[in-house]
Amino acid sequence: MPVTSATSFEFPVTVYWEDTDGGGVVYYANYLKFMERCRTEWLRALNVDQVRLRAERGLQFVVVNVNVDYLRPAVLHDEIIVTAELERLTGATIVFKQTIRRGDVQLIDATARVACLDASTMKARPIPKDLFMEWRNAQ
């Protein structure tokens, strides 16, 4: 069950065969998918519907930078926890601090910078003030 707040989110993931390489170890690029899923589910938990955001306001979020340190591998059948913490929200960008862990063992340490874009021009647009109001009020 996901755990959420205005500033952070935890999302459980089970590692399936399709997530791994031939040796049963999670393929490195799949950690990015796990982190994306966590950020998306966190937005949904905050009632930020990305489809509606695009349709009604002409805005969309895109990843512009990811830094990942691979500390330990996850393997087939692992139950892992993916986290997303809103580290900074300024202008048109959001910076997320993300981790992946198996129990108390941290597997991944990462940051993801996400930009808000005009969906038709693909140019940066300020994040509307009403989005993430709960997070802004907590600061």
N, C-alpha and C. Protein backbone atom coordinates (compact mmCIF):
# COMPACT_ATOMS: atom_id res chain seq x y z
N MET A 1 0.83 -1.18 0.00
CA MET A 1 0.00 0.00 0.00
C MET A 1 0.89 1.25 0.00
N PRO A 2 0.67 2.16 -0.94
CA PRO A 2 1.47 3.38 -0.98
C PRO A 2 1.28 4.23 0.27
N VAL A 3 2.36 4.88 0.68
CA VAL A 3 2.32 5.82 1.79
C VAL A 3 2.61 7.18 1.20
N THR A 4 1.73 8.17 1.49
CA THR A 4 1.89 9.47 0.87
C THR A 4 1.74 10.60 1.86
N SER A 5 2.36 11.70 1.53
CA SER A 5 2.16 12.97 2.22
C SER A 5 2.34 14.04 1.17
N ALA A 6 2.23 15.28 1.58
CA ALA A 6 2.42 16.37 0.63
C ALA A 6 3.84 16.41 0.09
N THR A 7 4.79 15.90 0.86
CA THR A 7 6.19 16.02 0.45
C THR A 7 6.85 14.72 0.06
N SER A 8 6.26 13.57 0.38
CA SER A 8 6.93 12.31 0.07
C SER A 8 5.93 11.21 -0.21
N PHE A 9 6.44 10.17 -0.86
CA PHE A 9 5.59 9.06 -1.28
C PHE A 9 6.42 7.79 -1.29
N GLU A 10 5.83 6.70 -0.85
CA GLU A 10 6.45 5.37 -0.93
C GLU A 10 5.56 4.47 -1.76
N PHE A 11 6.18 3.71 -2.66
CA PHE A 11 5.43 2.83 -3.55
C PHE A 11 6.07 1.46 -3.58
N PRO A 12 5.33 0.41 -3.20
CA PRO A 12 5.90 -0.94 -3.22
C PRO A 12 5.91 -1.53 -4.63
N VAL A 13 6.98 -2.25 -4.94
CA VAL A 13 7.12 -2.90 -6.24
C VAL A 13 7.64 -4.31 -6.00
N THR A 14 7.07 -5.27 -6.70
CA THR A 14 7.59 -6.63 -6.71
C THR A 14 8.40 -6.79 -7.99
N VAL A 15 9.59 -7.34 -7.89
CA VAL A 15 10.44 -7.54 -9.06
C VAL A 15 9.98 -8.81 -9.78
N TYR A 16 9.59 -8.64 -11.04
CA TYR A 16 9.16 -9.75 -11.88
C TYR A 16 10.26 -10.15 -12.86
N TRP A 17 10.08 -11.29 -13.48
CA TRP A 17 11.05 -11.80 -14.46
C TRP A 17 11.32 -10.75 -15.53
N GLU A 18 10.27 -10.09 -16.00
CA GLU A 18 10.42 -9.10 -17.08
C GLU A 18 11.29 -7.90 -16.68
N ASP A 19 11.48 -7.70 -15.38
CA ASP A 19 12.31 -6.59 -14.88
C ASP A 19 13.79 -6.93 -14.86
N THR A 20 14.11 -8.19 -15.06
CA THR A 20 15.49 -8.65 -14.84
C THR A 20 16.21 -8.99 -16.15
N ASP A 21 17.53 -9.14 -16.01
CA ASP A 21 18.33 -9.63 -17.13
C ASP A 21 18.34 -11.16 -17.05
N GLY A 22 19.14 -11.80 -17.84
CA GLY A 22 19.19 -13.27 -17.86
C GLY A 22 19.65 -13.90 -16.56
N GLY A 23 20.29 -13.12 -15.70
CA GLY A 23 20.78 -13.65 -14.43
C GLY A 23 19.86 -13.38 -13.25
N GLY A 24 18.67 -12.83 -13.53
CA GLY A 24 17.72 -12.58 -12.46
C GLY A 24 17.97 -11.29 -11.68
N VAL A 25 18.86 -10.42 -12.19
CA VAL A 25 19.16 -9.14 -11.57
C VAL A 25 18.39 -8.05 -12.32
N VAL A 26 17.81 -7.09 -11.59
CA VAL A 26 17.06 -6.02 -12.24
C VAL A 26 17.97 -5.29 -13.23
N TYR A 27 17.50 -5.18 -14.46
CA TYR A 27 18.20 -4.45 -15.51
C TYR A 27 18.24 -2.98 -15.14
N TYR A 28 19.38 -2.34 -15.29
CA TYR A 28 19.61 -0.99 -14.75
C TYR A 28 18.56 0.02 -15.19
N ALA A 29 18.11 -0.02 -16.44
CA ALA A 29 17.14 0.96 -16.94
C ALA A 29 15.77 0.80 -16.28
N ASN A 30 15.47 -0.39 -15.77
CA ASN A 30 14.17 -0.61 -15.16
C ASN A 30 14.00 0.13 -13.84
N TYR A 31 15.11 0.47 -13.18
CA TYR A 31 15.00 1.29 -11.98
C TYR A 31 14.38 2.64 -12.32
N LEU A 32 14.70 3.18 -13.51
CA LEU A 32 14.11 4.44 -13.95
C LEU A 32 12.60 4.30 -14.10
N LYS A 33 12.15 3.15 -14.61
CA LYS A 33 10.72 2.90 -14.73
C LYS A 33 10.06 2.84 -13.36
N PHE A 34 10.70 2.19 -12.41
CA PHE A 34 10.16 2.12 -11.05
C PHE A 34 10.03 3.52 -10.45
N MET A 35 11.05 4.36 -10.67
CA MET A 35 11.03 5.71 -10.13
C MET A 35 9.96 6.56 -10.80
N GLU A 36 9.79 6.41 -12.11
CA GLU A 36 8.75 7.13 -12.84
C GLU A 36 7.37 6.73 -12.33
N ARG A 37 7.17 5.45 -12.12
CA ARG A 37 5.89 4.97 -11.62
C ARG A 37 5.59 5.57 -10.24
N CYS A 38 6.60 5.64 -9.40
CA CYS A 38 6.43 6.20 -8.06
C CYS A 38 6.03 7.68 -8.15
N ARG A 39 6.71 8.46 -8.98
CA ARG A 39 6.37 9.87 -9.12
C ARG A 39 4.96 10.04 -9.66
N THR A 40 4.59 9.23 -10.63
CA THR A 40 3.25 9.30 -11.21
C THR A 40 2.18 8.96 -10.18
N GLU A 41 2.41 7.91 -9.41
CA GLU A 41 1.43 7.52 -8.39
C GLU A 41 1.34 8.56 -7.28
N TRP A 42 2.46 9.21 -6.96
CA TRP A 42 2.44 10.28 -5.96
C TRP A 42 1.59 11.45 -6.46
N LEU A 43 1.76 11.83 -7.74
CA LEU A 43 0.94 12.90 -8.31
C LEU A 43 -0.53 12.52 -8.27
N ARG A 44 -0.84 11.28 -8.60
CA ARG A 44 -2.23 10.82 -8.56
C ARG A 44 -2.79 10.90 -7.14
N ALA A 45 -1.96 10.53 -6.16
CA ALA A 45 -2.40 10.59 -4.76
C ALA A 45 -2.67 12.03 -4.32
N LEU A 46 -2.00 12.99 -4.96
CA LEU A 46 -2.23 14.42 -4.67
C LEU A 46 -3.30 15.01 -5.58
N ASN A 47 -4.02 14.14 -6.30
CA ASN A 47 -5.09 14.55 -7.21
C ASN A 47 -4.59 15.42 -8.36
N VAL A 48 -3.37 15.18 -8.80
CA VAL A 48 -2.85 15.84 -10.00
C VAL A 48 -2.99 14.82 -11.13
N ASP A 49 -4.02 15.02 -11.94
CA ASP A 49 -4.30 14.13 -13.07
C ASP A 49 -3.56 14.66 -14.29
N GLN A 50 -2.53 13.96 -14.72
CA GLN A 50 -1.69 14.46 -15.82
C GLN A 50 -2.42 14.52 -17.16
N VAL A 51 -3.36 13.61 -17.37
CA VAL A 51 -4.15 13.65 -18.61
C VAL A 51 -5.03 14.90 -18.62
N ARG A 52 -5.69 15.17 -17.51
CA ARG A 52 -6.54 16.36 -17.39
C ARG A 52 -5.69 17.64 -17.45
N LEU A 53 -4.51 17.62 -16.85
CA LEU A 53 -3.62 18.78 -16.88
C LEU A 53 -3.26 19.14 -18.32
N ARG A 54 -3.01 18.13 -19.12
CA ARG A 54 -2.68 18.38 -20.53
C ARG A 54 -3.91 18.85 -21.31
N ALA A 55 -5.04 18.17 -21.11
CA ALA A 55 -6.25 18.49 -21.86
C ALA A 55 -6.83 19.86 -21.49
N GLU A 56 -6.86 20.19 -20.20
CA GLU A 56 -7.52 21.41 -19.75
C GLU A 56 -6.60 22.62 -19.68
N ARG A 57 -5.30 22.39 -19.40
CA ARG A 57 -4.39 23.53 -19.23
C ARG A 57 -3.25 23.56 -20.24
N GLY A 58 -3.16 22.51 -21.05
CA GLY A 58 -2.10 22.47 -22.05
C GLY A 58 -0.71 22.32 -21.46
N LEU A 59 -0.63 21.67 -20.29
CA LEU A 59 0.64 21.49 -19.61
C LEU A 59 0.98 20.02 -19.48
N GLN A 60 2.29 19.74 -19.45
CA GLN A 60 2.74 18.38 -19.19
C GLN A 60 4.09 18.42 -18.49
N PHE A 61 4.39 17.35 -17.77
CA PHE A 61 5.66 17.22 -17.08
C PHE A 61 6.58 16.30 -17.87
N VAL A 62 7.85 16.67 -17.96
CA VAL A 62 8.84 15.82 -18.62
C VAL A 62 10.11 15.78 -17.77
N VAL A 63 10.76 14.64 -17.78
CA VAL A 63 12.03 14.50 -17.07
C VAL A 63 13.11 15.16 -17.91
N VAL A 64 13.91 16.02 -17.27
CA VAL A 64 15.00 16.68 -17.99
C VAL A 64 16.37 16.24 -17.49
N ASN A 65 16.41 15.61 -16.32
CA ASN A 65 17.69 15.15 -15.79
C ASN A 65 17.44 14.10 -14.72
N VAL A 66 18.24 13.04 -14.76
CA VAL A 66 18.21 12.01 -13.72
C VAL A 66 19.65 11.66 -13.37
N ASN A 67 19.95 11.63 -12.08
CA ASN A 67 21.24 11.14 -11.59
C ASN A 67 20.96 9.94 -10.70
N VAL A 68 21.64 8.84 -10.99
CA VAL A 68 21.39 7.60 -10.24
C VAL A 68 22.71 7.00 -9.78
N ASP A 69 22.75 6.65 -8.51
CA ASP A 69 23.84 5.84 -7.97
C ASP A 69 23.26 4.46 -7.68
N TYR A 70 23.81 3.46 -8.35
CA TYR A 70 23.39 2.08 -8.17
C TYR A 70 24.25 1.49 -7.05
N LEU A 71 23.65 1.31 -5.88
CA LEU A 71 24.41 0.88 -4.70
C LEU A 71 24.45 -0.63 -4.54
N ARG A 72 23.31 -1.27 -4.74
CA ARG A 72 23.20 -2.73 -4.62
C ARG A 72 22.11 -3.18 -5.60
N PRO A 73 22.17 -4.42 -6.06
CA PRO A 73 21.16 -4.88 -7.02
C PRO A 73 19.90 -5.41 -6.35
N ALA A 74 18.80 -5.25 -7.04
CA ALA A 74 17.56 -5.96 -6.70
C ALA A 74 17.51 -7.19 -7.59
N VAL A 75 16.85 -8.23 -7.11
CA VAL A 75 16.79 -9.48 -7.86
C VAL A 75 15.36 -9.98 -7.94
N LEU A 76 15.18 -10.97 -8.80
CA LEU A 76 13.87 -11.58 -9.03
C LEU A 76 13.17 -11.89 -7.71
N HIS A 77 11.90 -11.51 -7.63
CA HIS A 77 11.00 -11.74 -6.49
C HIS A 77 11.23 -10.80 -5.31
N ASP A 78 12.20 -9.90 -5.39
CA ASP A 78 12.37 -8.93 -4.30
C ASP A 78 11.12 -8.07 -4.15
N GLU A 79 10.83 -7.73 -2.93
CA GLU A 79 9.80 -6.73 -2.61
C GLU A 79 10.59 -5.47 -2.26
N ILE A 80 10.47 -4.47 -3.10
CA ILE A 80 11.23 -3.24 -2.89
C ILE A 80 10.28 -2.07 -2.65
N ILE A 81 10.83 -1.02 -2.05
CA ILE A 81 10.08 0.20 -1.82
C ILE A 81 10.77 1.31 -2.59
N VAL A 82 9.99 1.99 -3.43
CA VAL A 82 10.49 3.11 -4.21
C VAL A 82 9.94 4.38 -3.57
N THR A 83 10.80 5.36 -3.34
CA THR A 83 10.34 6.60 -2.71
C THR A 83 10.55 7.79 -3.64
N ALA A 84 9.74 8.78 -3.44
CA ALA A 84 9.89 10.07 -4.12
C ALA A 84 9.64 11.14 -3.08
N GLU A 85 10.59 12.03 -2.94
CA GLU A 85 10.43 13.15 -2.02
C GLU A 85 10.62 14.44 -2.79
N LEU A 86 9.66 15.34 -2.64
CA LEU A 86 9.75 16.62 -3.31
C LEU A 86 10.80 17.45 -2.60
N GLU A 87 11.93 17.63 -3.27
CA GLU A 87 13.06 18.34 -2.67
C GLU A 87 13.01 19.84 -2.94
N ARG A 88 12.60 20.20 -4.16
CA ARG A 88 12.56 21.62 -4.52
C ARG A 88 11.52 21.84 -5.61
N LEU A 89 10.79 22.92 -5.48
CA LEU A 89 9.76 23.30 -6.45
C LEU A 89 9.95 24.78 -6.75
N THR A 90 10.45 25.07 -7.95
CA THR A 90 10.72 26.46 -8.30
C THR A 90 10.35 26.71 -9.75
N GLY A 91 9.66 27.79 -10.00
CA GLY A 91 9.34 28.16 -11.38
C GLY A 91 8.68 27.03 -12.15
N ALA A 92 9.42 26.52 -13.12
CA ALA A 92 8.89 25.46 -13.98
C ALA A 92 9.46 24.09 -13.66
N THR A 93 10.22 23.95 -12.56
CA THR A 93 10.85 22.66 -12.30
C THR A 93 10.55 22.12 -10.90
N ILE A 94 10.58 20.80 -10.84
CA ILE A 94 10.45 20.07 -9.59
C ILE A 94 11.68 19.16 -9.50
N VAL A 95 12.31 19.14 -8.35
CA VAL A 95 13.42 18.21 -8.12
C VAL A 95 12.95 17.19 -7.09
N PHE A 96 13.04 15.92 -7.48
CA PHE A 96 12.68 14.82 -6.61
C PHE A 96 13.93 14.12 -6.11
N LYS A 97 13.98 13.82 -4.84
CA LYS A 97 14.97 12.91 -4.26
C LYS A 97 14.30 11.55 -4.26
N GLN A 98 14.97 10.54 -4.83
CA GLN A 98 14.37 9.22 -4.91
C GLN A 98 15.32 8.15 -4.40
N THR A 99 14.75 7.16 -3.76
CA THR A 99 15.50 6.00 -3.30
C THR A 99 14.73 4.75 -3.64
N ILE A 100 15.46 3.65 -3.70
CA ILE A 100 14.85 2.33 -3.78
C ILE A 100 15.55 1.50 -2.72
N ARG A 101 14.74 0.79 -1.94
CA ARG A 101 15.34 -0.03 -0.89
C ARG A 101 14.61 -1.37 -0.79
N ARG A 102 15.35 -2.33 -0.26
CA ARG A 102 14.81 -3.65 0.06
C ARG A 102 14.96 -3.77 1.57
N GLY A 103 13.85 -3.65 2.28
CA GLY A 103 13.94 -3.61 3.73
C GLY A 103 14.73 -2.39 4.15
N ASP A 104 15.77 -2.61 4.95
CA ASP A 104 16.61 -1.51 5.41
C ASP A 104 17.82 -1.26 4.50
N VAL A 105 17.94 -2.04 3.44
CA VAL A 105 19.09 -1.92 2.55
C VAL A 105 18.76 -0.99 1.38
N GLN A 106 19.49 0.11 1.27
CA GLN A 106 19.28 1.03 0.16
C GLN A 106 19.97 0.50 -1.08
N LEU A 107 19.21 0.43 -2.18
CA LEU A 107 19.71 -0.08 -3.44
C LEU A 107 20.06 1.04 -4.42
N ILE A 108 19.27 2.09 -4.40
CA ILE A 108 19.39 3.19 -5.36
C ILE A 108 19.30 4.52 -4.62
N ASP A 109 20.13 5.47 -5.03
CA ASP A 109 20.06 6.85 -4.55
C ASP A 109 20.01 7.71 -5.81
N ALA A 110 18.96 8.52 -5.94
CA ALA A 110 18.78 9.25 -7.20
C ALA A 110 18.12 10.60 -6.99
N THR A 111 18.27 11.45 -7.99
CA THR A 111 17.50 12.68 -8.09
C THR A 111 16.95 12.76 -9.51
N ALA A 112 15.75 13.32 -9.62
CA ALA A 112 15.14 13.53 -10.93
C ALA A 112 14.63 14.96 -10.98
N ARG A 113 15.01 15.65 -12.04
CA ARG A 113 14.51 17.02 -12.26
C ARG A 113 13.47 16.94 -13.36
N VAL A 114 12.29 17.47 -13.06
CA VAL A 114 11.15 17.39 -13.95
C VAL A 114 10.71 18.81 -14.29
N ALA A 115 10.44 19.07 -15.57
CA ALA A 115 10.02 20.39 -16.00
C ALA A 115 8.56 20.39 -16.41
N CYS A 116 7.92 21.51 -16.19
CA CYS A 116 6.56 21.74 -16.65
C CYS A 116 6.66 22.44 -18.01
N LEU A 117 6.02 21.84 -19.02
CA LEU A 117 6.10 22.39 -20.37
C LEU A 117 4.72 22.71 -20.92
N ASP A 118 4.68 23.67 -21.82
CA ASP A 118 3.51 23.91 -22.64
C ASP A 118 3.44 22.73 -23.60
N ALA A 119 2.33 22.01 -23.60
CA ALA A 119 2.22 20.78 -24.39
C ALA A 119 2.29 21.03 -25.89
N SER A 120 1.90 22.22 -26.36
CA SER A 120 1.92 22.47 -27.80
C SER A 120 3.26 23.00 -28.29
N THR A 121 3.97 23.78 -27.46
CA THR A 121 5.24 24.37 -27.90
C THR A 121 6.46 23.65 -27.34
N MET A 122 6.26 22.83 -26.30
CA MET A 122 7.33 22.14 -25.59
C MET A 122 8.32 23.12 -24.97
N LYS A 123 7.83 24.30 -24.59
CA LYS A 123 8.65 25.29 -23.89
C LYS A 123 8.23 25.33 -22.43
N ALA A 124 9.20 25.67 -21.58
CA ALA A 124 8.94 25.71 -20.14
C ALA A 124 7.84 26.70 -19.80
N ARG A 125 6.98 26.28 -18.88
CA ARG A 125 5.93 27.14 -18.33
C ARG A 125 5.94 27.01 -16.82
N PRO A 126 5.68 28.09 -16.10
CA PRO A 126 5.64 28.00 -14.64
C PRO A 126 4.59 26.99 -14.19
N ILE A 127 4.92 26.29 -13.13
CA ILE A 127 3.96 25.35 -12.53
C ILE A 127 2.86 26.18 -11.90
N PRO A 128 1.59 25.91 -12.23
CA PRO A 128 0.50 26.69 -11.65
C PRO A 128 0.52 26.65 -10.12
N LYS A 129 0.23 27.78 -9.51
CA LYS A 129 0.30 27.91 -8.04
C LYS A 129 -0.66 26.95 -7.34
N ASP A 130 -1.80 26.64 -7.97
CA ASP A 130 -2.77 25.77 -7.30
C ASP A 130 -2.33 24.31 -7.25
N LEU A 131 -1.36 23.92 -8.11
CA LEU A 131 -0.82 22.56 -8.02
C LEU A 131 0.14 22.52 -6.84
N PHE A 132 0.14 21.45 -6.12
CA PHE A 132 1.05 21.25 -5.00
C PHE A 132 0.86 22.28 -3.89
N MET A 133 -0.35 22.83 -3.78
CA MET A 133 -0.62 23.84 -2.76
C MET A 133 -0.32 23.30 -1.36
N GLU A 134 -0.68 22.05 -1.14
CA GLU A 134 -0.42 21.43 0.15
C GLU A 134 1.08 21.42 0.46
N TRP A 135 1.90 21.10 -0.55
CA TRP A 135 3.35 21.11 -0.34
C TRP A 135 3.85 22.52 -0.11
N ARG A 136 3.39 23.47 -0.89
CA ARG A 136 3.82 24.86 -0.74
C ARG A 136 3.49 25.38 0.65
N ASN A 137 2.32 25.02 1.16
CA ASN A 137 1.90 25.48 2.49
C ASN A 137 2.74 24.84 3.60
N ALA A 138 3.29 23.66 3.34
CA ALA A 138 4.10 22.98 4.35
C ALA A 138 5.50 23.60 4.46
N GLN A 139 5.90 24.40 3.47
CA GLN A 139 7.24 25.00 3.46
C GLN A 139 7.32 26.23 4.33
